[in-house]
């Protein structure tokens, strides 16, 4: 999703990721989880998502070559 504000173009993550990160932020703000744990969960989630995307891209490329 792209948002334009005063000539600036800001790329936002997909809605499901935004909801996940917002939920993580709310849990942290309410002190239900500590911020280092929230940070670790957020980073781990992003790494898993980006790795999953890479695997799918490589699989798609392999199918195209076959």
PDB file of N, CA and C in Angstrom:
ATOM      1  N   UNK A   1       0.845  -1.159   0.000  1.00  0.00           N
ATOM      2  CA  UNK A   1       0.000   0.000   0.000  1.00  0.00           C
ATOM      3  C   UNK A   1       0.904   1.241   0.000  1.00  0.00           C
ATOM      4  N   UNK A   2       0.568   2.186  -0.827  1.00  0.00           N
ATOM      5  CA  UNK A   2       1.326   3.424  -0.931  1.00  0.00           C
ATOM      6  C   UNK A   2       0.474   4.587  -0.447  1.00  0.00           C
ATOM      7  N   UNK A   3       1.081   5.428   0.390  1.00  0.00           N
ATOM      8  CA  UNK A   3       0.398   6.609   0.904  1.00  0.00           C
ATOM      9  C   UNK A   3       1.178   7.834   0.443  1.00  0.00           C
ATOM     10  N   UNK A   4       0.470   8.850  -0.067  1.00  0.00           N
ATOM     11  CA  UNK A   4       1.098  10.093  -0.495  1.00  0.00           C
ATOM     12  C   UNK A   4       0.725  11.203   0.485  1.00  0.00           C
ATOM     13  N   UNK A   5       1.737  11.819   1.111  1.00  0.00           N
ATOM     14  CA  UNK A   5       1.511  12.913   2.060  1.00  0.00           C
ATOM     15  C   UNK A   5       2.430  14.066   1.677  1.00  0.00           C
ATOM     16  N   UNK A   6       1.844  15.192   1.316  1.00  0.00           N
ATOM     17  CA  UNK A   6       2.604  16.394   0.952  1.00  0.00           C
ATOM     18  C   UNK A   6       3.746  16.090  -0.019  1.00  0.00           C
ATOM     19  N   UNK A   7       3.457  15.325  -1.049  1.00  0.00           N
ATOM     20  CA  UNK A   7       4.459  15.019  -2.060  1.00  0.00           C
ATOM     21  C   UNK A   7       5.384  13.875  -1.677  1.00  0.00           C
ATOM     22  N   UNK A   8       5.277  13.374  -0.462  1.00  0.00           N
ATOM     23  CA  UNK A   8       6.076  12.226  -0.045  1.00  0.00           C
ATOM     24  C   UNK A   8       5.327  10.946  -0.359  1.00  0.00           C
ATOM     25  N   UNK A   9       6.050   9.955  -0.824  1.00  0.00           N
ATOM     26  CA  UNK A   9       5.455   8.656  -1.095  1.00  0.00           C
ATOM     27  C   UNK A   9       5.958   7.686  -0.041  1.00  0.00           C
ATOM     28  N   UNK A  10       5.035   7.122   0.724  1.00  0.00           N
ATOM     29  CA  UNK A  10       5.407   6.213   1.804  1.00  0.00           C
ATOM     30  C   UNK A  10       4.843   4.836   1.496  1.00  0.00           C
ATOM     31  N   UNK A  11       5.722   3.842   1.482  1.00  0.00           N
ATOM     32  CA  UNK A  11       5.314   2.459   1.257  1.00  0.00           C
ATOM     33  C   UNK A  11       4.985   1.820   2.596  1.00  0.00           C
ATOM     34  N   UNK A  12       3.765   1.346   2.739  1.00  0.00           N
ATOM     35  CA  UNK A  12       3.356   0.663   3.953  1.00  0.00           C
ATOM     36  C   UNK A  12       3.283  -0.838   3.686  1.00  0.00           C
ATOM     37  N   UNK A  13       3.517  -1.630   4.727  1.00  0.00           N
ATOM     38  CA  UNK A  13       3.378  -3.079   4.540  1.00  0.00           C
ATOM     39  C   UNK A  13       1.917  -3.453   4.295  1.00  0.00           C
ATOM     40  N   UNK A  14       1.675  -4.670   3.842  1.00  0.00           N
ATOM     41  CA  UNK A  14       0.286  -5.117   3.636  1.00  0.00           C
ATOM     42  C   UNK A  14      -0.523  -5.003   4.930  1.00  0.00           C
ATOM     43  N   UNK A  15      -1.840  -4.948   4.786  1.00  0.00           N
ATOM     44  CA  UNK A  15      -2.751  -4.742   5.918  1.00  0.00           C
ATOM     45  C   UNK A  15      -2.555  -5.795   7.006  1.00  0.00           C
ATOM     46  N   UNK A  16      -2.381  -7.062   6.633  1.00  0.00           N
ATOM     47  CA  UNK A  16      -2.231  -8.104   7.653  1.00  0.00           C
ATOM     48  C   UNK A  16      -0.970  -7.899   8.478  1.00  0.00           C
ATOM     49  N   UNK A  17       0.109  -7.455   7.837  1.00  0.00           N
ATOM     50  CA  UNK A  17       1.345  -7.178   8.573  1.00  0.00           C
ATOM     51  C   UNK A  17       1.179  -5.957   9.467  1.00  0.00           C
ATOM     52  N   UNK A  18       0.501  -4.942   8.964  1.00  0.00           N
ATOM     53  CA  UNK A  18       0.250  -3.747   9.765  1.00  0.00           C
ATOM     54  C   UNK A  18      -0.558  -4.102  11.005  1.00  0.00           C
ATOM     55  N   UNK A  19      -1.558  -4.962  10.858  1.00  0.00           N
ATOM     56  CA  UNK A  19      -2.375  -5.381  11.993  1.00  0.00           C
ATOM     57  C   UNK A  19      -1.538  -6.147  13.011  1.00  0.00           C
ATOM     58  N   UNK A  20      -0.665  -7.018  12.524  1.00  0.00           N
ATOM     59  CA  UNK A  20       0.214  -7.784  13.417  1.00  0.00           C
ATOM     60  C   UNK A  20       1.120  -6.840  14.202  1.00  0.00           C
ATOM     61  N   UNK A  21       1.750  -5.902  13.507  1.00  0.00           N
ATOM     62  CA  UNK A  21       2.658  -4.969  14.167  1.00  0.00           C
ATOM     63  C   UNK A  21       1.919  -4.035  15.116  1.00  0.00           C
ATOM     64  N   UNK A  22       0.713  -3.630  14.738  1.00  0.00           N
ATOM     65  CA  UNK A  22      -0.088  -2.779  15.626  1.00  0.00           C
ATOM     66  C   UNK A  22      -0.455  -3.542  16.895  1.00  0.00           C
ATOM     67  N   UNK A  23      -0.837  -4.797  16.744  1.00  0.00           N
ATOM     68  CA  UNK A  23      -1.158  -5.623  17.909  1.00  0.00           C
ATOM     69  C   UNK A  23       0.035  -5.794  18.822  1.00  0.00           C
ATOM     70  N   UNK A  24       1.188  -5.998  18.217  1.00  0.00           N
ATOM     71  CA  UNK A  24       2.424  -6.123  18.988  1.00  0.00           C
ATOM     72  C   UNK A  24       2.720  -4.819  19.730  1.00  0.00           C
ATOM     73  N   UNK A  25       2.505  -3.702  19.056  1.00  0.00           N
ATOM     74  CA  UNK A  25       2.709  -2.397  19.687  1.00  0.00           C
ATOM     75  C   UNK A  25       1.747  -2.152  20.835  1.00  0.00           C
ATOM     76  N   UNK A  26       0.493  -2.565  20.657  1.00  0.00           N
ATOM     77  CA  UNK A  26      -0.507  -2.384  21.718  1.00  0.00           C
ATOM     78  C   UNK A  26      -0.154  -3.243  22.930  1.00  0.00           C
ATOM     79  N   UNK A  27       0.248  -4.498  22.684  1.00  0.00           N
ATOM     80  CA  UNK A  27       0.645  -5.361  23.796  1.00  0.00           C
ATOM     81  C   UNK A  27       1.828  -4.769  24.552  1.00  0.00           C
ATOM     82  N   UNK A  28       2.743  -4.163  23.824  1.00  0.00           N
ATOM     83  CA  UNK A  28       3.909  -3.539  24.451  1.00  0.00           C
ATOM     84  C   UNK A  28       3.496  -2.288  25.222  1.00  0.00           C
ATOM     85  N   UNK A  29       2.636  -1.468  24.641  1.00  0.00           N
ATOM     86  CA  UNK A  29       2.190  -0.241  25.299  1.00  0.00           C
ATOM     87  C   UNK A  29       1.424  -0.546  26.583  1.00  0.00           C
ATOM     88  N   UNK A  30       0.670  -1.635  26.581  1.00  0.00           N
ATOM     89  CA  UNK A  30      -0.079  -2.034  27.770  1.00  0.00           C
ATOM     90  C   UNK A  30       0.794  -2.794  28.776  1.00  0.00           C
ATOM     91  N   UNK A  31       2.067  -2.944  28.419  1.00  0.00           N
ATOM     92  CA  UNK A  31       3.062  -3.638  29.238  1.00  0.00           C
ATOM     93  C   UNK A  31       2.691  -5.096  29.507  1.00  0.00           C
ATOM     94  N   UNK A  32       2.007  -5.709  28.540  1.00  0.00           N
ATOM     95  CA  UNK A  32       1.720  -7.132  28.633  1.00  0.00           C
ATOM     96  C   UNK A  32       2.931  -7.953  28.187  1.00  0.00           C
ATOM     97  N   UNK A  33       3.731  -7.368  27.314  1.00  0.00           N
ATOM     98  CA  UNK A  33       5.034  -7.936  26.954  1.00  0.00           C
ATOM     99  C   UNK A  33       6.050  -6.816  27.012  1.00  0.00           C
ATOM    100  N   UNK A  34       7.294  -7.173  27.256  1.00  0.00           N
ATOM    101  CA  UNK A  34       8.349  -6.165  27.332  1.00  0.00           C
ATOM    102  C   UNK A  34       8.837  -5.828  25.930  1.00  0.00           C
ATOM    103  N   UNK A  35       9.375  -4.602  25.768  1.00  0.00           N
ATOM    104  CA  UNK A  35       9.754  -4.152  24.431  1.00  0.00           C
ATOM    105  C   UNK A  35      10.843  -5.000  23.786  1.00  0.00           C
ATOM    106  N   UNK A  36      11.844  -5.551  24.543  1.00  0.00           N
ATOM    107  CA  UNK A  36      12.823  -6.399  23.839  1.00  0.00           C
ATOM    108  C   UNK A  36      12.182  -7.662  23.251  1.00  0.00           C
ATOM    109  N   UNK A  37      11.190  -8.187  23.947  1.00  0.00           N
ATOM    110  CA  UNK A  37      10.501  -9.374  23.441  1.00  0.00           C
ATOM    111  C   UNK A  37       9.679  -9.015  22.207  1.00  0.00           C
ATOM    112  N   UNK A  38       8.984  -7.867  22.264  1.00  0.00           N
ATOM    113  CA  UNK A  38       8.208  -7.406  21.113  1.00  0.00           C
ATOM    114  C   UNK A  38       9.127  -7.180  19.909  1.00  0.00           C
ATOM    115  N   UNK A  39      10.281  -6.607  20.162  1.00  0.00           N
ATOM    116  CA  UNK A  39      11.241  -6.371  19.083  1.00  0.00           C
ATOM    117  C   UNK A  39      11.709  -7.692  18.476  1.00  0.00           C
ATOM    118  N   UNK A  40      12.028  -8.661  19.330  1.00  0.00           N
ATOM    119  CA  UNK A  40      12.477  -9.971  18.837  1.00  0.00           C
ATOM    120  C   UNK A  40      11.375 -10.652  18.023  1.00  0.00           C
ATOM    121  N   UNK A  41      10.141 -10.563  18.494  1.00  0.00           N
ATOM    122  CA  UNK A  41       9.018 -11.163  17.761  1.00  0.00           C
ATOM    123  C   UNK A  41       8.843 -10.470  16.415  1.00  0.00           C
ATOM    124  N   UNK A  42       8.906  -9.148  16.397  1.00  0.00           N
ATOM    125  CA  UNK A  42       8.748  -8.396  15.155  1.00  0.00           C
ATOM    126  C   UNK A  42       9.841  -8.705  14.145  1.00  0.00           C
ATOM    127  N   UNK A  43      11.073  -8.743  14.614  1.00  0.00           N
ATOM    128  CA  UNK A  43      12.201  -9.050  13.716  1.00  0.00           C
ATOM    129  C   UNK A  43      12.087 -10.486  13.211  1.00  0.00           C
ATOM    130  N   UNK A  44      11.758 -11.415  14.105  1.00  0.00           N
ATOM    131  CA  UNK A  44      11.604 -12.811  13.690  1.00  0.00           C
ATOM    132  C   UNK A  44      10.491 -12.984  12.673  1.00  0.00           C
ATOM    133  N   UNK A  45       9.401 -12.269  12.881  1.00  0.00           N
ATOM    134  CA  UNK A  45       8.278 -12.326  11.939  1.00  0.00           C
ATOM    135  C   UNK A  45       8.695 -11.813  10.557  1.00  0.00           C
ATOM    136  N   UNK A  46       9.407 -10.715  10.539  1.00  0.00           N
ATOM    137  CA  UNK A  46       9.853 -10.144   9.266  1.00  0.00           C
ATOM    138  C   UNK A  46      10.853 -11.057   8.563  1.00  0.00           C
ATOM    139  N   UNK A  47      11.778 -11.640   9.328  1.00  0.00           N
ATOM    140  CA  UNK A  47      12.748 -12.565   8.729  1.00  0.00           C
ATOM    141  C   UNK A  47      12.050 -13.787   8.150  1.00  0.00           C
ATOM    142  N   UNK A  48      11.086 -14.324   8.883  1.00  0.00           N
ATOM    143  CA  UNK A  48      10.355 -15.491   8.382  1.00  0.00           C
ATOM    144  C   UNK A  48       9.572 -15.134   7.128  1.00  0.00           C
ATOM    145  N   UNK A  49       8.946 -13.957   7.123  1.00  0.00           N
ATOM    146  CA  UNK A  49       8.166 -13.532   5.964  1.00  0.00           C
ATOM    147  C   UNK A  49       9.049 -13.326   4.744  1.00  0.00           C
ATOM    148  N   UNK A  50      10.174 -12.662   4.929  1.00  0.00           N
ATOM    149  CA  UNK A  50      11.043 -12.390   3.780  1.00  0.00           C
ATOM    150  C   UNK A  50      11.707 -13.672   3.283  1.00  0.00           C
ATOM    151  N   UNK A  51      12.039 -14.573   4.190  1.00  0.00           N
ATOM    152  CA  UNK A  51      12.630 -15.845   3.769  1.00  0.00           C
ATOM    153  C   UNK A  51      11.598 -16.664   3.011  1.00  0.00           C
ATOM    154  N   UNK A  52      10.358 -16.651   3.478  1.00  0.00           N
ATOM    155  CA  UNK A  52       9.286 -17.392   2.812  1.00  0.00           C
ATOM    156  C   UNK A  52       9.093 -16.857   1.387  1.00  0.00           C
ATOM    157  N   UNK A  53       9.126 -15.541   1.248  1.00  0.00           N
ATOM    158  CA  UNK A  53       8.984 -14.933  -0.068  1.00  0.00           C
ATOM    159  C   UNK A  53      10.122 -15.325  -0.996  1.00  0.00           C
ATOM    160  N   UNK A  54      11.326 -15.386  -0.450  1.00  0.00           N
ATOM    161  CA  UNK A  54      12.495 -15.761  -1.258  1.00  0.00           C
ATOM    162  C   UNK A  54      12.359 -17.200  -1.740  1.00  0.00           C
ATOM    163  N   UNK A  55      11.925 -18.086  -0.853  1.00  0.00           N
ATOM    164  CA  UNK A  55      11.751 -19.488  -1.230  1.00  0.00           C
ATOM    165  C   UNK A  55      10.709 -19.613  -2.335  1.00  0.00           C
ATOM    166  N   UNK A  56       9.612 -18.878  -2.214  1.00  0.00           N
ATOM    167  CA  UNK A  56       8.577 -18.925  -3.247  1.00  0.00           C
ATOM    168  C   UNK A  56       9.091 -18.390  -4.583  1.00  0.00           C
ATOM    169  N   UNK A  57       9.861 -17.284  -4.537  1.00  0.00           N
ATOM    170  CA  UNK A  57      10.428 -16.740  -5.786  1.00  0.00           C
ATOM    171  C   UNK A  57      11.346 -17.758  -6.449  1.00  0.00           C
ATOM    172  N   UNK A  58      12.222 -18.385  -5.647  1.00  0.00           N
ATOM    173  CA  UNK A  58      13.144 -19.366  -6.207  1.00  0.00           C
ATOM    174  C   UNK A  58      12.386 -20.562  -6.784  1.00  0.00           C
ATOM    175  N   UNK A  59      11.320 -20.976  -6.107  1.00  0.00           N
ATOM    176  CA  UNK A  59      10.507 -22.085  -6.601  1.00  0.00           C
ATOM    177  C   UNK A  59       9.849 -21.705  -7.931  1.00  0.00           C
ATOM    178  N   UNK A  60       9.323 -20.481  -8.003  1.00  0.00           N
ATOM    179  CA  UNK A  60       8.710 -20.015  -9.237  1.00  0.00           C
ATOM    180  C   UNK A  60       9.711 -19.948 -10.385  1.00  0.00           C
ATOM    181  N   UNK A  61      10.929 -19.467 -10.092  1.00  0.00           N
ATOM    182  CA  UNK A  61      11.961 -19.414 -11.125  1.00  0.00           C
ATOM    183  C   UNK A  61      12.325 -20.808 -11.601  1.00  0.00           C
ATOM    184  N   UNK A  62      12.405 -21.768 -10.674  1.00  0.00           N
ATOM    185  CA  UNK A  62      12.717 -23.138 -11.054  1.00  0.00           C
ATOM    186  C   UNK A  62      11.622 -23.726 -11.946  1.00  0.00           C
ATOM    187  N   UNK A  63      10.372 -23.395 -11.636  1.00  0.00           N
ATOM    188  CA  UNK A  63       9.267 -23.882 -12.469  1.00  0.00           C
ATOM    189  C   UNK A  63       9.321 -23.269 -13.864  1.00  0.00           C
ATOM    190  N   UNK A  64       9.706 -22.001 -13.948  1.00  0.00           N
ATOM    191  CA  UNK A  64       9.802 -21.344 -15.266  1.00  0.00           C
ATOM    192  C   UNK A  64      10.876 -21.976 -16.119  1.00  0.00           C
ATOM    193  N   UNK A  65      11.979 -22.389 -15.492  1.00  0.00           N
ATOM    194  CA  UNK A  65      13.088 -22.986 -16.242  1.00  0.00           C
ATOM    195  C   UNK A  65      12.772 -24.408 -16.699  1.00  0.00           C
ATOM    196  N   UNK A  66      11.878 -25.087 -15.989  1.00  0.00           N
ATOM    197  CA  UNK A  66      11.573 -26.494 -16.307  1.00  0.00           C
ATOM    198  C   UNK A  66      10.764 -26.622 -17.578  1.00  0.00           C
TER     199      UNK A  66
END
